[in-house]
Amino acid sequence: MSTVGEAIQTGRSRARSPYMEWAKGHPKVAYNLAASGMPAYTLAQFVAAGWLKLEDLELSGSDGYGYPSLQQAIAEKAGVSPDRVVAISGGCSMANQLAMAAAFEPGDEVLIEQPTYELLVSTAQYLGARVRRFTRRFEDGFSLDPNEVAQAITPKTRLIVITNLHNPSSALADEAALGAVGEIAASVGARVLVDEIYLETHYSRPWRSSIHLGDRFIVTSSLTKAYGLSGLRCGWALASPELARAMWHINDLHGVNAAHPAEILSVIALNHLKEIGAPYQMRLDANRQIVNRWLDDRPELRVARPPLGTTLFPKLWGDNAEAFCNLLREQYEVGVVPGGFFEAPAHFRMFLGADTPTFTEALGRIGTALDRATRAALPEGERENAIG
């Protein structure tokens, strides 16, 4: 494909994800800010902390609907009863697919935020939804505006889909805004799906899942992004007991049982999230201070600066940042995600969770590339006086 936009247009007519194809297939670089989840937590760290012994692992476990210990651990974390928990071995992406499959029928209307994570739109279309969009505006810091939802919803809408923290910008939707969206959904008999995978980066700070706003809400999340535990593929959906049972039955079509060693390790992780998350929180807090100081000196970039999350979503001058993303990768060994994958081609997404020396070096290289691009955009007579 010649452009990101063309890849999305073509890919969404089929059961495929242009973003994931790019993420898995693009060339590796020395300074990768194209990630979104914290670096991997290792099995050796489990052992060194005294949390795990070999005899604790078993290859086979429950053949029912969910491993009881894992169901209980997630329920305690979320503050709900276990019958509202669907523990998914396919991570948050599978949780989103099961939630959508249970919440609407093929041909139903689904209202999804824009910009958003590409897989949410692709999954809804794969499941046969007629997708409508509501806007989260850059000018408003990508905040969730219930008025935008109210203007876009119709009597045919059966599901509203939101990310919180917003992917790609990391904007936080507060409980008042989410509650208002729930009331709008109720007016037409729709549900609200909130993907909370990045809300886990609250870490030790108090927060409450939107599942507590009522049975109209469905919540998905996982251990992947905030805790570096992608390899466990531990995701979950929270819903009313009736909808949770429907998701379990749909999951029978995808996987009869989860990999039991991963279930055991997930329970251990859930019991030690404070210890696992603390160094990641420190790294994100330190890097956020660094990038905020850096952004103060980069007038070429306009960006909302939320206090949480693993990503930022800067806007570059002009209409399309893809050429700049290619320049970073090819000549500066820096990877960022082109905003076209989020239907915002003037933007790019950058990761804040790299180790601090790597992150600092990457910012320096992005700055050099910005200086070069700025000079190139000036009239020829002005270039010699440009910065850099």
Foldseek 3Di string as FASTA:
>chain_A
DPDLLVLLVVVLVDLDASVVCCVVPPDAFPQEFADFAFAADDPVVCVVVVNDDPVLFDFDDDLDQDDVLLLVLVCVVQVHDSLQKRKDQQALLLVLLLLLLLQDAAAFEEEEEALAQLSNSSSCVNRRHDYDYFYQDVVVQSEQDLVSVLVTDDLRYAEYEQEACGPPARNHYDLVSVLSNQVSCVVNNHAYEYEDAQVCQCQPPDDHDCPVSDQSYKYKYACPHQQNHVVLSTIMMGHPSVSSVSSSVVCCVVDSDHRRRSSSVSSSCSVPVNVRRVVQNVQLQVLLVVVVVLVVPVPQWDWRRDPGGFKTKTFGPDQACPVVQVCCCPPVRYHWAQCVSSVRRRIIMTTRNDGPVSSNSSSVSSVVSSQVVVLVPDDVVCSVVGDD
